[in-house]
N, C-alpha and C. Protein backbone atom coordinates (compact mmCIF):
# COMPACT_ATOMS: atom_id res chain seq x y z
N LYS A 1 30.86 87.14 91.82
CA LYS A 1 30.18 87.09 90.52
C LYS A 1 29.22 88.25 90.41
N ARG A 2 29.19 88.88 89.27
CA ARG A 2 28.35 90.04 89.01
C ARG A 2 26.91 89.62 88.81
N ALA A 3 25.98 90.46 89.24
CA ALA A 3 24.56 90.21 89.05
C ALA A 3 24.23 90.26 87.56
N SER A 4 23.36 89.39 87.12
CA SER A 4 22.93 89.36 85.73
C SER A 4 22.15 90.63 85.40
N ALA A 5 22.31 91.11 84.19
CA ALA A 5 21.57 92.30 83.76
C ALA A 5 20.07 92.08 83.82
N THR A 6 19.64 90.85 83.59
CA THR A 6 18.21 90.57 83.60
C THR A 6 17.61 90.66 84.99
N GLY A 7 18.44 90.59 86.01
CA GLY A 7 17.91 90.66 87.36
C GLY A 7 18.27 91.94 88.09
N VAL A 8 18.92 92.87 87.42
CA VAL A 8 19.42 94.09 88.07
C VAL A 8 18.29 94.87 88.73
N ALA A 9 17.23 95.11 88.01
CA ALA A 9 16.17 95.98 88.53
C ALA A 9 15.51 95.41 89.78
N GLY A 10 15.31 94.12 89.82
CA GLY A 10 14.63 93.52 90.95
C GLY A 10 15.52 93.20 92.13
N MET A 11 16.81 93.08 91.93
CA MET A 11 17.70 92.60 92.97
C MET A 11 18.45 93.70 93.71
N LEU A 12 18.63 94.85 93.11
CA LEU A 12 19.53 95.84 93.68
C LEU A 12 18.81 96.98 94.37
N ARG A 13 19.45 97.50 95.37
CA ARG A 13 18.98 98.73 96.01
C ARG A 13 19.47 99.91 95.17
N ALA A 14 18.78 101.03 95.28
CA ALA A 14 19.10 102.20 94.46
C ALA A 14 20.56 102.61 94.56
N LYS A 15 21.13 102.57 95.75
CA LYS A 15 22.52 103.04 95.89
C LYS A 15 23.54 102.05 95.33
N THR A 16 23.16 100.81 95.09
CA THR A 16 24.11 99.85 94.53
C THR A 16 24.04 99.76 93.01
N VAL A 17 23.01 100.34 92.40
CA VAL A 17 22.88 100.29 90.94
C VAL A 17 24.12 100.89 90.26
N PRO A 18 24.58 102.09 90.64
CA PRO A 18 25.78 102.63 89.98
C PRO A 18 27.02 101.74 90.14
N VAL A 19 27.12 101.04 91.25
CA VAL A 19 28.26 100.15 91.46
C VAL A 19 28.23 99.00 90.46
N VAL A 20 27.07 98.39 90.30
CA VAL A 20 26.94 97.29 89.34
C VAL A 20 27.13 97.80 87.91
N LEU A 21 26.56 98.97 87.62
CA LEU A 21 26.75 99.54 86.29
C LEU A 21 28.22 99.84 86.02
N GLY A 22 28.95 100.19 87.05
CA GLY A 22 30.38 100.47 86.91
C GLY A 22 31.17 99.27 86.43
N GLU A 23 30.66 98.08 86.64
CA GLU A 23 31.34 96.87 86.16
C GLU A 23 31.31 96.77 84.64
N ILE A 24 30.39 97.47 84.01
CA ILE A 24 30.28 97.46 82.55
C ILE A 24 31.32 98.40 81.94
N VAL A 25 31.65 99.47 82.65
CA VAL A 25 32.54 100.51 82.14
C VAL A 25 33.98 100.01 82.09
N GLY A 26 34.69 100.43 81.06
CA GLY A 26 36.08 100.04 80.87
C GLY A 26 36.25 99.36 79.53
N ARG A 27 37.48 99.25 79.07
CA ARG A 27 37.80 98.64 77.78
C ARG A 27 36.99 99.26 76.65
N GLY A 28 36.92 100.59 76.67
CA GLY A 28 36.25 101.33 75.61
C GLY A 28 34.83 101.76 75.92
N VAL A 29 34.24 101.21 76.98
CA VAL A 29 32.88 101.58 77.36
C VAL A 29 32.97 102.78 78.30
N ARG A 30 32.37 103.91 77.91
CA ARG A 30 32.47 105.16 78.67
C ARG A 30 31.48 105.26 79.81
N ALA A 31 30.26 104.80 79.62
CA ALA A 31 29.24 104.96 80.66
C ALA A 31 28.14 103.93 80.47
N ALA A 32 27.43 103.64 81.55
CA ALA A 32 26.30 102.71 81.52
C ALA A 32 25.13 103.35 82.26
N LEU A 33 23.91 103.02 81.82
CA LEU A 33 22.71 103.57 82.43
C LEU A 33 21.67 102.46 82.59
N LEU A 34 20.91 102.52 83.66
CA LEU A 34 19.73 101.67 83.84
C LEU A 34 18.53 102.60 83.73
N VAL A 35 17.62 102.29 82.80
CA VAL A 35 16.53 103.17 82.44
C VAL A 35 15.23 102.39 82.43
N THR A 36 14.13 103.02 82.85
CA THR A 36 12.83 102.37 82.69
C THR A 36 12.38 102.53 81.25
N SER A 37 11.42 101.73 80.84
CA SER A 37 10.90 101.84 79.47
C SER A 37 10.16 103.16 79.27
N ASP A 38 9.84 103.86 80.36
CA ASP A 38 9.22 105.19 80.27
C ASP A 38 10.24 106.31 80.18
N GLY A 39 11.53 105.98 80.26
CA GLY A 39 12.58 106.97 80.13
C GLY A 39 13.12 107.51 81.43
N ASP A 40 12.69 106.97 82.55
CA ASP A 40 13.21 107.42 83.84
C ASP A 40 14.58 106.80 84.09
N LEU A 41 15.52 107.62 84.49
CA LEU A 41 16.87 107.16 84.79
C LEU A 41 16.92 106.62 86.20
N LEU A 42 17.26 105.34 86.35
CA LEU A 42 17.34 104.71 87.67
C LEU A 42 18.75 104.70 88.22
N GLY A 43 19.73 104.70 87.34
CA GLY A 43 21.12 104.69 87.78
C GLY A 43 22.04 104.95 86.61
N THR A 44 23.21 105.51 86.92
CA THR A 44 24.19 105.81 85.89
C THR A 44 25.59 105.81 86.50
N THR A 45 26.57 105.66 85.66
CA THR A 45 27.95 105.76 86.10
C THR A 45 28.47 107.17 85.94
N ALA A 46 27.66 108.06 85.39
CA ALA A 46 28.08 109.45 85.18
C ALA A 46 28.17 110.19 86.51
N ASP A 47 29.01 111.20 86.56
CA ASP A 47 29.12 112.00 87.78
C ASP A 47 27.92 112.93 87.92
N VAL A 48 27.76 113.50 89.07
CA VAL A 48 26.59 114.31 89.40
C VAL A 48 26.43 115.49 88.45
N THR A 49 27.51 116.11 88.00
CA THR A 49 27.41 117.27 87.12
C THR A 49 26.82 116.92 85.77
N ARG A 50 26.85 115.66 85.41
CA ARG A 50 26.29 115.24 84.12
C ARG A 50 24.91 114.62 84.26
N MET A 51 24.34 114.59 85.44
CA MET A 51 23.06 113.91 85.67
C MET A 51 21.93 114.47 84.81
N GLN A 52 21.82 115.78 84.67
CA GLN A 52 20.74 116.35 83.87
C GLN A 52 20.86 115.88 82.42
N GLN A 53 22.07 115.87 81.91
CA GLN A 53 22.31 115.40 80.56
C GLN A 53 21.94 113.91 80.45
N GLU A 54 22.26 113.13 81.46
CA GLU A 54 21.95 111.71 81.46
C GLU A 54 20.44 111.47 81.44
N HIS A 55 19.66 112.30 82.12
CA HIS A 55 18.20 112.15 82.11
C HIS A 55 17.65 112.35 80.70
N ILE A 56 18.20 113.29 79.98
CA ILE A 56 17.77 113.53 78.60
C ILE A 56 18.14 112.34 77.72
N VAL A 57 19.36 111.85 77.86
CA VAL A 57 19.82 110.69 77.10
C VAL A 57 18.94 109.47 77.41
N ALA A 58 18.61 109.26 78.67
CA ALA A 58 17.78 108.12 79.07
C ALA A 58 16.41 108.18 78.41
N ALA A 59 15.80 109.34 78.41
CA ALA A 59 14.48 109.49 77.79
C ALA A 59 14.54 109.21 76.30
N ILE A 60 15.56 109.72 75.65
CA ILE A 60 15.70 109.50 74.21
C ILE A 60 15.94 108.02 73.91
N MET A 61 16.83 107.39 74.67
CA MET A 61 17.16 105.98 74.43
C MET A 61 15.94 105.08 74.60
N SER A 62 15.16 105.31 75.63
CA SER A 62 13.99 104.45 75.85
C SER A 62 12.97 104.63 74.75
N THR A 63 12.80 105.87 74.28
CA THR A 63 11.86 106.12 73.19
C THR A 63 12.32 105.45 71.90
N VAL A 64 13.59 105.57 71.59
CA VAL A 64 14.14 104.94 70.38
C VAL A 64 13.99 103.43 70.45
N PHE A 65 14.33 102.83 71.59
CA PHE A 65 14.21 101.38 71.75
C PHE A 65 12.76 100.95 71.54
N ASP A 66 11.84 101.67 72.15
CA ASP A 66 10.42 101.36 72.04
C ASP A 66 9.95 101.44 70.58
N GLU A 67 10.38 102.47 69.86
CA GLU A 67 9.99 102.62 68.46
C GLU A 67 10.51 101.46 67.60
N TYR A 68 11.77 101.08 67.81
CA TYR A 68 12.32 99.96 67.05
C TYR A 68 11.62 98.65 67.41
N GLU A 69 11.29 98.47 68.67
CA GLU A 69 10.59 97.26 69.09
C GLU A 69 9.21 97.19 68.43
N HIS A 70 8.50 98.30 68.40
CA HIS A 70 7.18 98.33 67.74
C HIS A 70 7.30 98.10 66.24
N ALA A 71 8.32 98.67 65.61
CA ALA A 71 8.54 98.47 64.18
C ALA A 71 8.82 97.00 63.88
N GLY A 72 9.56 96.34 64.77
CA GLY A 72 9.83 94.91 64.58
C GLY A 72 8.56 94.09 64.62
N VAL A 73 7.66 94.43 65.50
CA VAL A 73 6.39 93.72 65.60
C VAL A 73 5.56 93.95 64.35
N GLU A 74 5.48 95.19 63.89
CA GLU A 74 4.66 95.54 62.74
C GLU A 74 5.23 94.98 61.43
N CYS A 75 6.54 95.09 61.26
CA CYS A 75 7.15 94.70 59.98
C CYS A 75 7.61 93.25 59.92
N LEU A 76 8.08 92.74 61.02
CA LEU A 76 8.70 91.41 61.01
C LEU A 76 7.93 90.37 61.81
N ALA A 77 6.88 90.80 62.47
CA ALA A 77 6.08 89.92 63.33
C ALA A 77 6.93 89.28 64.43
N GLN A 78 7.96 90.00 64.88
CA GLN A 78 8.78 89.54 66.00
C GLN A 78 8.46 90.39 67.20
N GLN A 79 8.25 89.76 68.33
CA GLN A 79 7.77 90.48 69.49
C GLN A 79 8.83 91.14 70.35
N GLN A 80 10.03 90.63 70.37
CA GLN A 80 10.97 91.20 71.32
C GLN A 80 12.31 91.55 70.70
N LEU A 81 12.63 92.82 70.79
CA LEU A 81 13.93 93.30 70.39
C LEU A 81 14.89 93.00 71.54
N LYS A 82 16.02 92.38 71.23
CA LYS A 82 16.95 91.97 72.28
C LYS A 82 18.16 92.88 72.41
N PHE A 83 18.65 93.41 71.30
CA PHE A 83 19.87 94.21 71.32
C PHE A 83 19.77 95.26 70.22
N LEU A 84 20.14 96.48 70.54
CA LEU A 84 20.10 97.57 69.57
C LEU A 84 21.42 98.33 69.66
N LEU A 85 22.03 98.59 68.51
CA LEU A 85 23.33 99.25 68.47
C LEU A 85 23.28 100.38 67.44
N PHE A 86 23.74 101.54 67.83
CA PHE A 86 23.85 102.68 66.93
C PHE A 86 25.31 103.10 66.84
N ASN A 87 25.80 103.29 65.62
CA ASN A 87 27.15 103.78 65.40
C ASN A 87 27.07 105.28 65.10
N PHE A 88 27.83 106.06 65.84
CA PHE A 88 27.92 107.49 65.62
C PHE A 88 29.36 107.85 65.30
N GLU A 89 29.56 109.07 64.88
CA GLU A 89 30.89 109.53 64.52
C GLU A 89 31.90 109.37 65.67
N ASP A 90 31.47 109.68 66.89
CA ASP A 90 32.41 109.65 68.01
C ASP A 90 32.18 108.51 68.98
N GLY A 91 31.35 107.55 68.62
CA GLY A 91 31.13 106.41 69.51
C GLY A 91 29.91 105.60 69.14
N VAL A 92 29.58 104.64 69.99
CA VAL A 92 28.42 103.78 69.78
C VAL A 92 27.54 103.80 71.01
N VAL A 93 26.26 103.56 70.79
CA VAL A 93 25.29 103.41 71.87
C VAL A 93 24.67 102.04 71.70
N ALA A 94 24.65 101.26 72.78
CA ALA A 94 24.08 99.93 72.75
C ALA A 94 23.01 99.83 73.83
N MET A 95 21.94 99.07 73.52
CA MET A 95 20.85 98.91 74.48
C MET A 95 20.37 97.46 74.46
N VAL A 96 20.05 96.95 75.65
CA VAL A 96 19.42 95.63 75.78
C VAL A 96 18.25 95.78 76.76
N LYS A 97 17.26 94.92 76.58
CA LYS A 97 16.16 94.89 77.54
C LYS A 97 16.64 94.07 78.73
N ALA A 98 16.77 94.71 79.90
CA ALA A 98 17.27 94.03 81.09
C ALA A 98 16.21 93.08 81.64
N CYS A 99 14.99 93.53 81.72
CA CYS A 99 13.84 92.74 82.09
C CYS A 99 12.61 93.58 81.75
N THR A 100 11.44 93.09 81.96
CA THR A 100 10.24 93.81 81.58
C THR A 100 10.24 95.21 82.21
N GLY A 101 10.19 96.20 81.35
CA GLY A 101 10.11 97.58 81.81
C GLY A 101 11.43 98.28 82.05
N TYR A 102 12.57 97.60 81.79
CA TYR A 102 13.88 98.19 82.08
C TYR A 102 14.84 97.97 80.91
N LEU A 103 15.66 98.99 80.64
CA LEU A 103 16.69 98.91 79.61
C LEU A 103 18.05 99.14 80.25
N LEU A 104 19.04 98.43 79.79
CA LEU A 104 20.42 98.63 80.18
C LEU A 104 21.11 99.22 78.96
N CYS A 105 21.70 100.39 79.12
CA CYS A 105 22.29 101.12 78.00
C CYS A 105 23.75 101.44 78.30
N ALA A 106 24.53 101.53 77.22
CA ALA A 106 25.93 101.91 77.38
C ALA A 106 26.36 102.72 76.18
N TYR A 107 27.27 103.67 76.41
CA TYR A 107 27.91 104.29 75.27
C TYR A 107 29.40 104.11 75.39
N ALA A 108 29.99 103.92 74.19
CA ALA A 108 31.38 103.49 74.14
C ALA A 108 32.11 104.19 73.00
N ASP A 109 33.44 104.04 73.01
CA ASP A 109 34.27 104.57 71.94
C ASP A 109 33.89 103.93 70.61
N ALA A 110 34.15 104.64 69.52
CA ALA A 110 33.81 104.14 68.19
C ALA A 110 34.53 102.84 67.85
N ASP A 111 35.72 102.63 68.42
CA ASP A 111 36.50 101.43 68.10
C ASP A 111 36.31 100.30 69.11
N VAL A 112 35.29 100.37 69.93
CA VAL A 112 35.04 99.33 70.93
C VAL A 112 34.75 98.00 70.24
N ASP A 113 35.11 96.92 70.87
CA ASP A 113 34.77 95.58 70.38
C ASP A 113 33.29 95.38 70.66
N VAL A 114 32.48 95.38 69.59
CA VAL A 114 31.02 95.31 69.74
C VAL A 114 30.59 94.01 70.39
N GLY A 115 31.26 92.92 70.08
CA GLY A 115 30.93 91.64 70.70
C GLY A 115 31.14 91.67 72.21
N LEU A 116 32.23 92.29 72.64
CA LEU A 116 32.52 92.43 74.06
C LEU A 116 31.49 93.35 74.73
N LEU A 117 31.13 94.44 74.06
CA LEU A 117 30.12 95.35 74.59
C LEU A 117 28.78 94.63 74.77
N LYS A 118 28.39 93.87 73.79
CA LYS A 118 27.13 93.12 73.86
C LYS A 118 27.16 92.12 75.01
N LYS A 119 28.27 91.42 75.15
CA LYS A 119 28.41 90.44 76.22
C LYS A 119 28.34 91.11 77.59
N LYS A 120 29.00 92.28 77.74
CA LYS A 120 28.95 93.00 79.01
C LYS A 120 27.52 93.38 79.37
N LEU A 121 26.73 93.79 78.39
CA LEU A 121 25.36 94.20 78.67
C LEU A 121 24.43 93.02 78.94
N GLU A 122 24.74 91.89 78.36
CA GLU A 122 23.85 90.73 78.50
C GLU A 122 24.17 89.86 79.71
N THR A 123 25.35 90.02 80.32
CA THR A 123 25.68 89.18 81.46
C THR A 123 25.71 89.95 82.75
């Protein structure tokens, strides 16, 4: 049985994070990342040549998630954003809060089953 996304940060050693993230990849999901809320990349399924690019993506994703979470508090009086999805021309980016201070992110093909993507990130 796969480790729950909510316990990933506290349960895994650094070298096993990419292995667990790899379980998310497939069926239209191209890559997965574990990111701190400060934008630090803790793990990714990307190869080493793409690591610098992944660090930039991680920083942007955490900032965007944080901004939407703050907007929800200000506008809707809701404290916790649970799932965020962006549709782009060539794919989608999805983010969930894995646990306090950590985000689990994935990018996938534009035609991915969004329900399946959400389930993969939440379980």
